[in-house]
Amino acid sequence: MTISDFVRQRKYLFWSTRNYDGLSKEAIVEAVLNYGDMKDVREMISILGMQETAKIFHAQTNPNRARINYRADVKNYFKLYFEKYA
């Protein structure tokens, strides 16, 4: 399965667009981690890889960034998750 197939099967996670093929990996990771369930997260990681997903997450949650779009509980959970598994 490709990341495009993954997105098309989960349109409910990407309600703000109809351009599913135009989504960046960063947008996909953010939406899945914020709004998906663990099955969605595991499948996304199996497609993108643990290291790439963690790298994207860490870049998006860098404290020097002006804007972080993760809820506090999601950010904390996946910070710990990627520290353990990535």
N, C-alpha and C. Protein backbone atom coordinates (compact mmCIF):
# COMPACT_ATOMS: atom_id res chain seq x y z
N MET A 1 0.84 -1.17 0.00
CA MET A 1 0.00 0.00 0.00
C MET A 1 0.89 1.24 0.00
N THR A 2 0.49 2.22 -0.75
CA THR A 2 1.22 3.49 -0.78
C THR A 2 0.57 4.47 0.19
N ILE A 3 1.26 5.56 0.45
CA ILE A 3 0.72 6.56 1.36
C ILE A 3 -0.52 7.20 0.74
N SER A 4 -0.59 7.32 -0.58
CA SER A 4 -1.79 7.85 -1.25
C SER A 4 -2.98 6.93 -1.04
N ASP A 5 -2.76 5.63 -1.14
CA ASP A 5 -3.84 4.66 -0.89
C ASP A 5 -4.32 4.78 0.56
N PHE A 6 -3.38 4.89 1.46
CA PHE A 6 -3.70 5.04 2.88
C PHE A 6 -4.59 6.25 3.11
N VAL A 7 -4.22 7.38 2.53
CA VAL A 7 -4.99 8.62 2.69
C VAL A 7 -6.38 8.46 2.09
N ARG A 8 -6.47 7.89 0.91
CA ARG A 8 -7.78 7.73 0.24
C ARG A 8 -8.72 6.82 1.04
N GLN A 9 -8.17 5.89 1.79
CA GLN A 9 -9.01 5.01 2.62
C GLN A 9 -9.43 5.68 3.92
N ARG A 10 -8.83 6.82 4.23
CA ARG A 10 -9.12 7.52 5.49
C ARG A 10 -9.43 8.99 5.25
N LYS A 11 -10.31 9.25 4.32
CA LYS A 11 -10.68 10.63 3.98
C LYS A 11 -11.22 11.38 5.18
N TYR A 12 -11.80 10.68 6.13
CA TYR A 12 -12.35 11.31 7.33
C TYR A 12 -11.29 12.00 8.18
N LEU A 13 -10.03 11.65 8.01
CA LEU A 13 -8.95 12.31 8.74
C LEU A 13 -8.49 13.60 8.07
N PHE A 14 -8.87 13.78 6.82
CA PHE A 14 -8.39 14.90 6.02
C PHE A 14 -9.57 15.70 5.48
N TRP A 15 -10.44 16.14 6.38
CA TRP A 15 -11.68 16.78 5.98
C TRP A 15 -11.48 18.16 5.37
N SER A 16 -10.31 18.76 5.55
CA SER A 16 -10.10 20.12 5.08
C SER A 16 -9.66 20.19 3.61
N THR A 17 -9.56 19.06 2.95
CA THR A 17 -9.11 19.05 1.56
C THR A 17 -9.79 17.93 0.78
N ARG A 18 -9.80 18.10 -0.51
CA ARG A 18 -10.20 17.02 -1.42
C ARG A 18 -9.02 16.63 -2.31
N ASN A 19 -7.90 17.33 -2.13
CA ASN A 19 -6.69 17.07 -2.90
C ASN A 19 -5.83 16.05 -2.14
N TYR A 20 -6.30 14.83 -2.08
CA TYR A 20 -5.64 13.80 -1.28
C TYR A 20 -4.24 13.47 -1.79
N ASP A 21 -4.05 13.54 -3.10
CA ASP A 21 -2.73 13.23 -3.66
C ASP A 21 -1.74 14.37 -3.44
N GLY A 22 -2.23 15.56 -3.12
CA GLY A 22 -1.36 16.71 -2.93
C GLY A 22 -0.90 16.91 -1.50
N LEU A 23 -1.33 16.04 -0.59
CA LEU A 23 -0.94 16.19 0.82
C LEU A 23 0.52 15.82 1.02
N SER A 24 1.21 16.63 1.79
CA SER A 24 2.61 16.32 2.12
C SER A 24 2.65 15.25 3.20
N LYS A 25 3.79 14.63 3.34
CA LYS A 25 3.96 13.65 4.41
C LYS A 25 3.76 14.31 5.76
N GLU A 26 4.19 15.55 5.88
CA GLU A 26 4.03 16.29 7.13
C GLU A 26 2.56 16.46 7.49
N ALA A 27 1.74 16.80 6.51
CA ALA A 27 0.30 16.97 6.75
C ALA A 27 -0.35 15.64 7.12
N ILE A 28 0.10 14.57 6.49
CA ILE A 28 -0.46 13.24 6.77
C ILE A 28 -0.10 12.81 8.18
N VAL A 29 1.16 12.95 8.56
CA VAL A 29 1.59 12.56 9.91
C VAL A 29 0.81 13.35 10.96
N GLU A 30 0.70 14.65 10.76
CA GLU A 30 -0.01 15.49 11.72
C GLU A 30 -1.47 15.06 11.88
N ALA A 31 -2.15 14.83 10.79
CA ALA A 31 -3.56 14.44 10.85
C ALA A 31 -3.74 13.07 11.50
N VAL A 32 -2.91 12.12 11.13
CA VAL A 32 -3.06 10.76 11.67
C VAL A 32 -2.74 10.74 13.17
N LEU A 33 -1.67 11.41 13.58
CA LEU A 33 -1.33 11.41 15.00
C LEU A 33 -2.37 12.16 15.82
N ASN A 34 -2.91 13.24 15.30
CA ASN A 34 -3.91 14.02 16.03
C ASN A 34 -5.28 13.36 16.05
N TYR A 35 -5.71 12.76 14.95
CA TYR A 35 -7.10 12.34 14.82
C TYR A 35 -7.31 10.84 14.55
N GLY A 36 -6.26 10.13 14.21
CA GLY A 36 -6.41 8.71 13.91
C GLY A 36 -6.39 7.87 15.17
N ASP A 37 -6.73 6.59 15.00
CA ASP A 37 -6.59 5.66 16.11
C ASP A 37 -5.26 4.92 15.97
N MET A 38 -4.96 4.05 16.91
CA MET A 38 -3.65 3.38 16.89
C MET A 38 -3.50 2.47 15.68
N LYS A 39 -4.58 1.94 15.17
CA LYS A 39 -4.50 1.13 13.95
C LYS A 39 -4.03 2.01 12.79
N ASP A 40 -4.58 3.21 12.69
CA ASP A 40 -4.16 4.15 11.65
C ASP A 40 -2.69 4.51 11.83
N VAL A 41 -2.29 4.77 13.06
CA VAL A 41 -0.89 5.15 13.35
C VAL A 41 0.05 4.02 12.95
N ARG A 42 -0.26 2.80 13.35
CA ARG A 42 0.61 1.66 13.03
C ARG A 42 0.73 1.46 11.52
N GLU A 43 -0.39 1.59 10.81
CA GLU A 43 -0.35 1.40 9.37
C GLU A 43 0.45 2.50 8.68
N MET A 44 0.27 3.74 9.13
CA MET A 44 1.05 4.84 8.56
C MET A 44 2.54 4.61 8.79
N ILE A 45 2.89 4.18 10.00
CA ILE A 45 4.30 3.93 10.32
C ILE A 45 4.84 2.78 9.46
N SER A 46 4.02 1.78 9.19
CA SER A 46 4.49 0.68 8.35
C SER A 46 4.76 1.14 6.92
N ILE A 47 4.09 2.20 6.49
CA ILE A 47 4.30 2.73 5.14
C ILE A 47 5.48 3.70 5.12
N LEU A 48 5.49 4.65 6.04
CA LEU A 48 6.54 5.68 6.06
C LEU A 48 7.81 5.23 6.77
N GLY A 49 7.67 4.32 7.69
CA GLY A 49 8.81 3.89 8.50
C GLY A 49 8.83 4.65 9.82
N MET A 50 9.31 3.98 10.85
CA MET A 50 9.34 4.57 12.19
C MET A 50 10.26 5.79 12.23
N GLN A 51 11.43 5.68 11.62
CA GLN A 51 12.40 6.77 11.69
C GLN A 51 11.90 8.02 10.97
N GLU A 52 11.33 7.85 9.79
CA GLU A 52 10.83 9.01 9.04
C GLU A 52 9.65 9.66 9.75
N THR A 53 8.75 8.84 10.29
CA THR A 53 7.60 9.39 11.02
C THR A 53 8.07 10.16 12.25
N ALA A 54 9.00 9.59 12.99
CA ALA A 54 9.54 10.26 14.17
C ALA A 54 10.25 11.55 13.79
N LYS A 55 11.01 11.54 12.72
CA LYS A 55 11.72 12.73 12.26
C LYS A 55 10.74 13.85 11.93
N ILE A 56 9.66 13.52 11.23
CA ILE A 56 8.64 14.50 10.88
C ILE A 56 7.98 15.05 12.14
N PHE A 57 7.61 14.14 13.06
CA PHE A 57 6.97 14.56 14.31
C PHE A 57 7.88 15.50 15.10
N HIS A 58 9.15 15.13 15.25
CA HIS A 58 10.08 15.96 16.03
C HIS A 58 10.28 17.33 15.38
N ALA A 59 10.33 17.38 14.07
CA ALA A 59 10.46 18.67 13.38
C ALA A 59 9.22 19.53 13.61
N GLN A 60 8.05 18.89 13.62
CA GLN A 60 6.80 19.64 13.81
C GLN A 60 6.59 20.09 15.25
N THR A 61 7.24 19.45 16.19
CA THR A 61 7.04 19.79 17.60
C THR A 61 8.27 20.48 18.21
N ASN A 62 9.16 20.92 17.37
CA ASN A 62 10.34 21.63 17.82
C ASN A 62 9.90 22.88 18.59
N PRO A 63 10.39 23.07 19.81
CA PRO A 63 9.96 24.22 20.61
C PRO A 63 10.30 25.57 19.99
N ASN A 64 11.22 25.61 19.04
CA ASN A 64 11.57 26.86 18.37
C ASN A 64 10.60 27.24 17.26
N ARG A 65 9.70 26.32 16.94
CA ARG A 65 8.68 26.61 15.91
C ARG A 65 7.66 27.59 16.46
N ALA A 66 7.20 28.46 15.62
CA ALA A 66 6.21 29.45 16.04
C ALA A 66 4.86 28.82 16.31
N ARG A 67 4.54 27.77 15.57
CA ARG A 67 3.21 27.16 15.68
C ARG A 67 3.34 25.64 15.73
N ILE A 68 2.71 25.06 16.72
CA ILE A 68 2.67 23.60 16.85
C ILE A 68 1.20 23.19 16.83
N ASN A 69 0.83 22.32 15.90
CA ASN A 69 -0.58 21.98 15.69
C ASN A 69 -1.03 20.70 16.40
N TYR A 70 -0.24 20.21 17.31
CA TYR A 70 -0.62 19.01 18.05
C TYR A 70 -1.26 19.40 19.38
N ARG A 71 -2.29 18.65 19.75
CA ARG A 71 -2.86 18.83 21.09
C ARG A 71 -1.80 18.42 22.11
N ALA A 72 -1.83 19.01 23.28
CA ALA A 72 -0.80 18.76 24.30
C ALA A 72 -0.71 17.28 24.66
N ASP A 73 -1.84 16.60 24.82
CA ASP A 73 -1.81 15.18 25.19
C ASP A 73 -1.24 14.32 24.07
N VAL A 74 -1.55 14.65 22.84
CA VAL A 74 -1.03 13.90 21.69
C VAL A 74 0.47 14.13 21.57
N LYS A 75 0.89 15.37 21.71
CA LYS A 75 2.31 15.69 21.63
C LYS A 75 3.10 14.94 22.70
N ASN A 76 2.61 14.94 23.92
CA ASN A 76 3.29 14.24 25.01
C ASN A 76 3.36 12.73 24.76
N TYR A 77 2.24 12.16 24.36
CA TYR A 77 2.19 10.71 24.13
C TYR A 77 3.19 10.29 23.05
N PHE A 78 3.15 10.97 21.91
CA PHE A 78 4.03 10.55 20.81
C PHE A 78 5.48 10.95 21.04
N LYS A 79 5.73 11.94 21.85
CA LYS A 79 7.11 12.25 22.24
C LYS A 79 7.69 11.03 22.97
N LEU A 80 6.94 10.52 23.93
CA LEU A 80 7.37 9.33 24.67
C LEU A 80 7.42 8.09 23.78
N TYR A 81 6.43 7.95 22.93
CA TYR A 81 6.34 6.80 22.01
C TYR A 81 7.58 6.73 21.11
N PHE A 82 7.91 7.86 20.48
CA PHE A 82 9.05 7.85 19.55
C PHE A 82 10.38 7.76 20.30
N GLU A 83 10.46 8.27 21.52
CA GLU A 83 11.68 8.10 22.31
C GLU A 83 11.94 6.62 22.57
N LYS A 84 10.88 5.87 22.77
CA LYS A 84 11.01 4.45 23.07
C LYS A 84 11.24 3.60 21.82
N TYR A 85 10.53 3.90 20.74
CA TYR A 85 10.54 3.00 19.58
C TYR A 85 11.34 3.47 18.38
N ALA A 86 11.71 4.74 18.35
CA ALA A 86 12.42 5.23 17.15
C ALA A 86 13.92 5.32 17.39
